[in-house]
Amino acid sequence: MLQVPFYDPTKSYDENYISGPYGEFANGHIYEQKGKSSFEFLGETVNLPFGIPAGPILNSNFAKAAFEKGFDLVVYKTIRSSIFPCHPHPNILPIELKGDLTLEKAKKQLKTKKQYSEPLSITNSFGVPSKEALIWQEDVKKAIAYAGRGQILILSFMGTVRPNQTGQEFIDDFALAAKQSIETGAKILEVNLSCPNIGNEGLVCYNLDVTKKVLQAIRKVIGNTPLAIKIGYYEKDADLEKLAAIANEYADDVSGINTIPAEVVNEKGEQALPGPNRLKSGVCGHAIKWAGIDTVKRLRAIKDKKNYSFSITGVGGVTVAQDYFDYIKAGADSVMSATGAMWNPLLAVEIKDQIAKSKTR
């Protein structure tokens, strides 16, 4: 059963940033973690390798609520080196979909529907908005402090495409954002190479030469700080193998997937999300679970064959507790949920309860 989402899609991004979170995330109830923290995530001991990926955790208020509700891995929404605006409202809409959003289906236009319902799939398009560095740096410090025993805040960042920018300047902006991120004291960083909602910027992860140069530049700045990379879905095994080789050299974790891009129209067949470069947006939720599971299985096979050292975080379509276990079975070391967690703020509690019950049988 869908609950009141902690990010309110009927409100603008700024309204959510100022007044959110909502629903269960706003009631102040704190999940009491029992037992020892017994899992490892990038050098940190955590209660359970489950959390919320970059996206809905807008600021420290959202991070605090996520920690209180038992999400032990919390990724602060992707930041940029300088201020960047959000796409016009609306930014989230429910999608009419039957079954999986296969790559073939994603080539055709998808239609929105009026109500959010299960199995839940949505489209989201924010454009990766960011506050000024000084603002988000101070807020990230607060978010880090809210983490309890066995919990960790992960800071996501990315570079920005600007007019008349050279390729090197684009790479340098990733490095600058990494430098600003490390200044917050965050123990784990994530570079977002896969956001589909940034118009002309494209998905960096699909350009493997640029991906390698970006990661080289970031590693020079952050030293040995653990680094995760957020990727999209790779259709070709050869490309995923090349990505894995690069990740093994420069990163510590591969997190996938982000979303599957598709053109989205309303019931009249008109562009559903207003503004330029928004006919196509990222689809997430139940319909993309297949792609996340497939990515994890393929990454696990590559890692085991090559004896690579990076860990694997499974993301995509985790909307019920069983999805967590499906990802672990597929080979994920950790799992995250955005859409599912938004409409079920007690998802982490439900997973932990299932684990506790299984131990008493």
Protein backbone atom coordinates (compact mmCIF):
# COMPACT_ATOMS: atom_id res chain seq x y z
CA MET A 1 0.00 0.00 0.00
CA LEU A 2 1.41 3.38 -1.03
CA GLN A 3 1.87 5.90 1.77
CA VAL A 4 2.22 9.66 1.74
CA PRO A 5 5.53 10.24 -0.08
CA PHE A 6 8.26 12.02 1.86
CA TYR A 7 8.89 14.14 -1.24
CA ASP A 8 5.61 15.75 -2.34
CA PRO A 9 5.36 15.65 -6.16
CA THR A 10 2.50 18.16 -6.11
CA LYS A 11 4.90 20.80 -4.76
CA SER A 12 7.89 22.40 -6.43
CA TYR A 13 11.46 21.37 -5.73
CA ASP A 14 12.05 24.57 -3.74
CA GLU A 15 8.91 24.02 -1.66
CA ASN A 16 10.09 20.50 -0.85
CA TYR A 17 13.58 21.75 -0.06
CA ILE A 18 12.27 24.37 2.37
CA SER A 19 9.32 22.56 3.98
CA GLY A 20 10.02 18.84 3.49
CA PRO A 21 10.14 16.04 4.20
CA TYR A 22 6.52 14.93 4.55
CA GLY A 23 4.49 11.94 5.70
CA GLU A 24 6.24 9.38 7.90
CA PHE A 25 9.52 11.23 7.45
CA ALA A 26 8.04 14.21 9.29
CA ASN A 27 6.67 12.48 12.40
CA GLY A 28 9.95 12.27 14.32
CA HIS A 29 9.57 8.58 15.15
CA ILE A 30 12.96 6.90 15.41
CA TYR A 31 13.53 3.26 14.50
CA GLU A 32 15.49 1.55 17.27
CA GLN A 33 18.29 -0.52 15.79
CA LYS A 34 18.87 -3.75 17.70
CA GLY A 35 21.94 -5.93 17.71
CA LYS A 36 25.43 -5.23 16.42
CA SER A 37 26.36 -3.47 13.21
CA SER A 38 27.70 -6.41 11.26
CA PHE A 39 27.94 -5.40 7.59
CA GLU A 40 30.80 -3.62 5.83
CA PHE A 41 30.36 -0.92 3.21
CA LEU A 42 33.48 0.69 1.72
CA GLY A 43 35.40 0.44 4.96
CA GLU A 44 32.54 1.50 7.20
CA THR A 45 30.54 -0.82 9.47
CA VAL A 46 26.79 -0.53 8.88
CA ASN A 47 23.66 -2.09 10.34
CA LEU A 48 22.34 -3.17 6.95
CA PRO A 49 23.71 -2.40 3.49
CA PHE A 50 20.47 -0.76 2.42
CA GLY A 51 19.60 2.85 1.83
CA ILE A 52 18.43 5.65 -0.44
CA PRO A 53 20.41 6.68 -3.55
CA ALA A 54 21.04 10.16 -4.90
CA GLY A 55 17.78 11.90 -5.77
CA PRO A 56 15.15 12.36 -3.05
CA ILE A 57 17.46 13.31 -0.15
CA LEU A 58 17.43 17.06 -0.86
CA ASN A 59 19.15 18.28 2.30
CA SER A 60 20.06 17.47 5.90
CA ASN A 61 16.41 17.45 7.03
CA PHE A 62 15.67 14.64 4.59
CA ALA A 63 18.88 12.83 5.57
CA LYS A 64 18.01 13.05 9.27
CA ALA A 65 14.57 11.56 8.66
CA ALA A 66 16.02 8.77 6.49
CA PHE A 67 18.48 7.78 9.21
CA GLU A 68 15.69 7.86 11.80
CA LYS A 69 13.62 5.46 9.68
CA GLY A 70 16.41 2.88 9.55
CA PHE A 71 17.99 3.63 6.16
CA ASP A 72 21.66 3.07 6.92
CA LEU A 73 23.17 4.19 3.60
CA VAL A 74 21.93 7.67 2.73
CA VAL A 75 23.14 9.47 -0.39
CA TYR A 76 22.89 13.27 -0.34
CA LYS A 77 21.35 14.56 -3.59
CA THR A 78 23.90 15.12 -6.36
CA ILE A 79 25.58 18.50 -6.01
CA ARG A 80 27.45 20.69 -8.51
CA SER A 81 30.40 23.04 -8.08
CA SER A 82 28.11 26.09 -8.41
CA ILE A 83 24.43 27.02 -8.27
CA PHE A 84 22.20 25.38 -10.87
CA PRO A 85 18.41 25.76 -11.34
CA CYS A 86 15.77 23.04 -11.21
CA HIS A 87 13.61 22.15 -14.18
CA PRO A 88 10.06 23.60 -14.07
CA HIS A 89 7.39 21.89 -11.99
CA PRO A 90 6.06 19.19 -12.28
CA ASN A 91 9.17 17.07 -11.79
CA ILE A 92 7.55 13.72 -11.04
CA LEU A 93 4.61 12.03 -12.79
CA PRO A 94 3.11 8.52 -12.60
CA ILE A 95 3.55 6.35 -15.70
CA GLU A 96 1.09 3.94 -17.29
CA LEU A 97 3.10 0.74 -17.75
CA LYS A 98 2.36 -2.96 -17.87
CA GLY A 99 5.25 -5.23 -16.97
CA ASP A 100 8.90 -4.33 -17.47
CA LEU A 101 10.09 -1.24 -19.29
CA THR A 102 12.22 -3.13 -21.79
CA LEU A 103 14.63 -1.26 -24.05
CA GLU A 104 12.22 -1.93 -26.93
CA LYS A 105 9.32 -0.38 -25.00
CA ALA A 106 11.51 2.59 -24.08
CA LYS A 107 11.87 3.42 -27.78
CA LYS A 108 8.15 4.21 -27.89
CA GLN A 109 6.35 7.06 -26.14
CA LEU A 110 5.03 6.34 -22.66
CA LYS A 111 1.88 7.91 -21.24
CA THR A 112 1.34 9.43 -17.85
CA LYS A 113 -1.68 8.57 -15.71
CA LYS A 114 -3.61 10.51 -13.08
CA GLN A 115 -2.92 8.46 -9.95
CA TYR A 116 0.11 6.82 -8.37
CA SER A 117 -0.60 3.12 -7.96
CA GLU A 118 1.13 -0.22 -7.48
CA PRO A 119 3.23 -1.58 -9.02
CA LEU A 120 4.73 1.90 -8.88
CA SER A 121 6.64 3.39 -11.82
CA ILE A 122 7.24 7.10 -12.34
CA THR A 123 9.18 9.52 -14.47
CA ASN A 124 11.31 12.19 -12.84
CA SER A 125 13.01 15.22 -14.32
CA PHE A 126 14.80 17.71 -12.08
CA GLY A 127 17.92 18.60 -14.04
CA VAL A 128 20.18 18.07 -11.01
CA PRO A 129 19.61 21.42 -9.29
CA SER A 130 22.26 22.59 -6.86
CA LYS A 131 22.70 25.30 -4.27
CA GLU A 132 25.88 27.36 -4.06
CA ALA A 133 28.83 25.34 -2.79
CA LEU A 134 29.08 27.19 0.52
CA ILE A 135 25.41 26.45 1.23
CA TRP A 136 25.44 22.75 0.45
CA GLN A 137 28.83 22.23 2.11
CA GLU A 138 27.50 23.46 5.45
CA ASP A 139 24.31 21.46 5.06
CA VAL A 140 26.22 18.27 4.22
CA LYS A 141 28.17 18.67 7.46
CA LYS A 142 24.84 18.68 9.33
CA ALA A 143 23.67 15.62 7.43
CA ILE A 144 26.86 13.73 8.28
CA ALA A 145 26.31 14.48 11.97
CA TYR A 146 22.79 13.02 11.88
CA ALA A 147 24.06 9.53 11.05
CA GLY A 148 23.62 7.15 13.98
CA ARG A 149 25.48 3.98 14.91
CA GLY A 150 26.03 1.83 11.88
CA GLN A 151 24.94 4.54 9.44
CA ILE A 152 26.83 6.59 6.86
CA LEU A 153 26.16 9.59 4.64
CA ILE A 154 27.43 9.39 1.07
CA LEU A 155 27.86 12.60 -0.93
CA SER A 156 27.03 12.51 -4.64
CA PHE A 157 28.48 15.04 -7.08
CA MET A 158 28.88 15.70 -10.79
CA GLY A 159 30.44 18.10 -13.28
CA THR A 160 28.51 20.66 -15.29
CA VAL A 161 28.39 21.33 -19.02
CA ARG A 162 28.61 25.06 -19.76
CA PRO A 163 28.48 27.10 -23.01
CA ASN A 164 31.72 27.16 -25.04
CA GLN A 165 33.36 24.80 -22.55
CA THR A 166 36.29 22.63 -23.58
CA GLY A 167 36.44 18.93 -22.80
CA GLN A 168 39.19 19.57 -20.26
CA GLU A 169 37.16 22.28 -18.54
CA PHE A 170 34.30 19.78 -18.17
CA ILE A 171 36.65 17.28 -16.54
CA ASP A 172 38.11 20.02 -14.34
CA ASP A 173 34.62 20.84 -13.07
CA PHE A 174 34.19 17.25 -11.88
CA ALA A 175 37.49 17.63 -10.03
CA LEU A 176 36.36 20.92 -8.49
CA ALA A 177 33.09 19.39 -7.29
CA ALA A 178 35.10 16.48 -5.85
CA LYS A 179 37.40 18.91 -4.01
CA GLN A 180 34.43 20.81 -2.59
CA SER A 181 32.82 17.51 -1.57
CA ILE A 182 35.87 16.23 0.27
CA GLU A 183 36.00 19.51 2.21
CA THR A 184 32.72 18.59 3.94
CA GLY A 185 34.32 15.66 5.73
CA ALA A 186 32.19 13.09 3.90
CA LYS A 187 33.79 9.67 4.30
CA ILE A 188 32.38 8.25 1.07
CA LEU A 189 31.78 10.01 -2.25
CA GLU A 190 29.77 9.06 -5.31
CA VAL A 191 30.25 10.55 -8.76
CA ASN A 192 27.05 10.64 -10.79
CA LEU A 193 27.92 9.66 -14.36
CA SER A 194 24.42 8.65 -15.37
CA CYS A 195 21.75 11.28 -14.83
CA PRO A 196 19.42 11.29 -17.86
CA ASN A 197 17.62 14.49 -16.91
CA ILE A 198 20.23 17.07 -17.85
CA GLY A 199 19.28 17.96 -21.42
CA ASN A 200 22.37 18.54 -23.56
CA GLU A 201 24.79 17.16 -20.98
CA GLY A 202 24.18 13.50 -21.81
CA LEU A 203 25.25 10.38 -19.92
CA VAL A 204 28.97 10.53 -19.20
CA CYS A 205 29.14 6.82 -18.36
CA TYR A 206 28.47 5.88 -21.99
CA ASN A 207 31.58 7.76 -23.15
CA LEU A 208 34.19 5.46 -21.64
CA ASP A 209 37.17 7.63 -22.65
CA VAL A 210 35.69 10.64 -20.84
CA THR A 211 34.66 8.43 -17.91
CA LYS A 212 38.27 7.32 -17.44
CA LYS A 213 39.62 10.87 -17.64
CA VAL A 214 36.98 12.10 -15.17
CA LEU A 215 37.80 9.36 -12.67
CA GLN A 216 41.53 10.00 -13.04
CA ALA A 217 41.01 13.69 -12.27
CA ILE A 218 38.75 12.93 -9.29
CA ARG A 219 41.15 10.38 -7.80
CA LYS A 220 43.99 12.93 -7.88
CA VAL A 221 41.84 15.26 -5.77
CA ILE A 222 40.30 12.86 -3.25
CA GLY A 223 43.25 10.55 -2.61
CA ASN A 224 42.17 7.28 -0.98
CA THR A 225 38.66 8.41 -0.08
CA PRO A 226 36.24 5.63 -1.13
CA LEU A 227 34.50 6.49 -4.40
CA ALA A 228 31.36 4.98 -5.90
CA ILE A 229 30.35 5.55 -9.51
CA LYS A 230 26.68 5.73 -10.54
CA ILE A 231 26.04 4.20 -13.95
CA GLY A 232 23.20 3.68 -16.38
CA TYR A 233 22.18 0.46 -18.12
CA TYR A 234 24.71 -0.95 -20.59
CA GLU A 235 23.13 -2.93 -23.40
CA LYS A 236 26.43 -4.33 -24.68
CA ASP A 237 28.51 -6.66 -22.50
CA ALA A 238 31.72 -5.32 -24.04
CA ASP A 239 30.95 -1.79 -22.85
CA LEU A 240 30.11 -2.96 -19.33
CA GLU A 241 33.37 -4.94 -19.26
CA LYS A 242 35.34 -1.83 -20.23
CA LEU A 243 33.50 0.19 -17.59
CA ALA A 244 34.30 -2.47 -14.97
CA ALA A 245 38.00 -2.37 -15.86
CA ILE A 246 38.04 1.42 -15.45
CA ALA A 247 36.11 1.18 -12.19
CA ASN A 248 38.52 -1.40 -10.81
CA GLU A 249 41.39 1.01 -11.39
CA TYR A 250 39.85 4.21 -10.07
CA ALA A 251 36.71 3.44 -8.03
CA ASP A 252 35.65 1.34 -5.05
CA ASP A 253 31.99 0.69 -5.84
CA VAL A 254 29.80 0.52 -8.94
CA SER A 255 26.19 1.56 -8.37
CA GLY A 256 23.58 0.74 -10.97
CA ILE A 257 21.29 1.52 -12.44
CA ASN A 258 20.03 5.08 -12.51
CA THR A 259 16.91 5.19 -14.71
CA ILE A 260 15.85 4.21 -18.23
CA PRO A 261 15.21 7.26 -20.45
CA ALA A 262 12.02 7.39 -22.52
CA GLU A 263 9.76 9.95 -24.17
CA VAL A 264 6.80 10.75 -21.92
CA VAL A 265 3.52 12.29 -23.09
CA ASN A 266 0.22 13.05 -21.40
CA GLU A 267 -3.18 11.53 -22.22
CA LYS A 268 -3.52 13.96 -25.15
CA GLY A 269 -0.21 12.86 -26.63
CA GLU A 270 1.49 16.13 -25.72
CA GLN A 271 4.87 16.49 -23.99
CA ALA A 272 4.10 15.78 -20.33
CA LEU A 273 6.90 17.76 -18.71
CA PRO A 274 7.10 21.45 -19.71
CA GLY A 275 10.22 23.09 -21.07
CA PRO A 276 12.98 22.37 -23.61
CA ASN A 277 14.82 19.01 -23.65
CA ARG A 278 12.16 17.39 -21.45
CA LEU A 279 10.21 15.21 -23.87
CA LYS A 280 12.57 12.44 -22.78
CA SER A 281 13.04 11.83 -19.05
CA GLY A 282 14.18 9.09 -16.71
CA VAL A 283 11.75 6.31 -15.77
CA CYS A 284 12.22 4.56 -12.47
CA GLY A 285 10.38 2.27 -10.08
CA HIS A 286 9.07 -1.27 -10.48
CA ALA A 287 9.34 -1.34 -14.28
CA ILE A 288 13.15 -1.04 -14.32
CA LYS A 289 13.96 -3.67 -11.69
CA TRP A 290 14.85 -6.14 -14.44
CA ALA A 291 17.59 -3.81 -15.71
CA GLY A 292 19.08 -3.27 -12.25
CA ILE A 293 19.11 -7.01 -11.52
CA ASP A 294 20.60 -7.75 -14.93
CA THR A 295 23.34 -5.16 -14.40
CA VAL A 296 24.22 -6.59 -11.00
CA LYS A 297 24.40 -10.16 -12.33
CA ARG A 298 26.64 -9.14 -15.22
CA LEU A 299 28.88 -7.00 -13.02
CA ARG A 300 29.20 -9.84 -10.51
CA ALA A 301 30.22 -12.26 -13.29
CA ILE A 302 32.81 -9.81 -14.62
CA LYS A 303 34.14 -9.07 -11.14
CA ASP A 304 34.50 -12.73 -10.21
CA LYS A 305 36.11 -13.64 -13.54
CA LYS A 306 38.62 -10.78 -13.42
CA ASN A 307 39.07 -10.81 -9.63
CA TYR A 308 38.20 -7.11 -9.44
CA SER A 309 38.03 -5.44 -6.04
CA PHE A 310 35.10 -3.00 -6.36
CA SER A 311 31.82 -3.68 -4.57
CA ILE A 312 28.42 -3.62 -6.30
CA THR A 313 25.39 -1.57 -5.27
CA GLY A 314 22.09 -2.63 -6.80
CA VAL A 315 19.60 0.13 -7.60
CA GLY A 316 16.39 0.20 -9.59
CA GLY A 317 12.86 -0.98 -8.91
CA VAL A 318 13.26 -1.76 -5.22
CA THR A 319 9.70 -1.09 -4.06
CA VAL A 320 9.01 -3.96 -1.63
CA ALA A 321 11.14 -5.84 0.90
CA GLN A 322 11.57 -8.90 -1.34
CA ASP A 323 13.33 -6.75 -3.94
CA TYR A 324 16.20 -6.22 -1.50
CA PHE A 325 16.71 -9.97 -1.16
CA ASP A 326 16.45 -10.44 -4.93
CA TYR A 327 19.30 -7.99 -5.46
CA ILE A 328 21.47 -9.65 -2.82
CA LYS A 329 20.83 -13.03 -4.45
CA ALA A 330 21.80 -11.53 -7.83
CA GLY A 331 25.20 -10.56 -6.43
CA ALA A 332 24.81 -7.07 -4.96
CA ASP A 333 26.85 -6.17 -1.89
CA SER A 334 24.43 -3.35 -1.04
CA VAL A 335 21.03 -2.19 -2.26
CA MET A 336 19.27 1.17 -2.53
CA SER A 337 15.74 2.39 -3.21
CA ALA A 338 14.53 5.85 -4.27
CA THR A 339 11.00 5.55 -5.69
CA GLY A 340 10.07 2.67 -3.38
CA ALA A 341 11.39 4.45 -0.30
CA MET A 342 9.60 7.68 -1.21
CA TRP A 343 6.18 6.01 -1.17
CA ASN A 344 7.08 3.54 1.59
CA PRO A 345 9.21 5.38 4.16
CA LEU A 346 9.22 2.25 6.35
CA LEU A 347 10.78 0.02 3.69
CA ALA A 348 14.06 -0.32 5.59
CA VAL A 349 12.18 -1.28 8.75
CA GLU A 350 10.22 -3.92 6.83
CA ILE A 351 13.41 -5.46 5.44
CA LYS A 352 15.04 -5.53 8.87
CA ASP A 353 11.92 -7.08 10.39
CA GLN A 354 11.98 -9.85 7.77
CA ILE A 355 15.63 -10.56 8.50
CA ALA A 356 14.95 -10.66 12.25
CA LYS A 357 12.03 -13.06 11.79
CA SER A 358 14.11 -15.37 9.59
CA LYS A 359 16.72 -15.63 12.33
CA THR A 360 14.16 -16.75 14.91
CA ARG A 361 12.70 -19.55 12.79
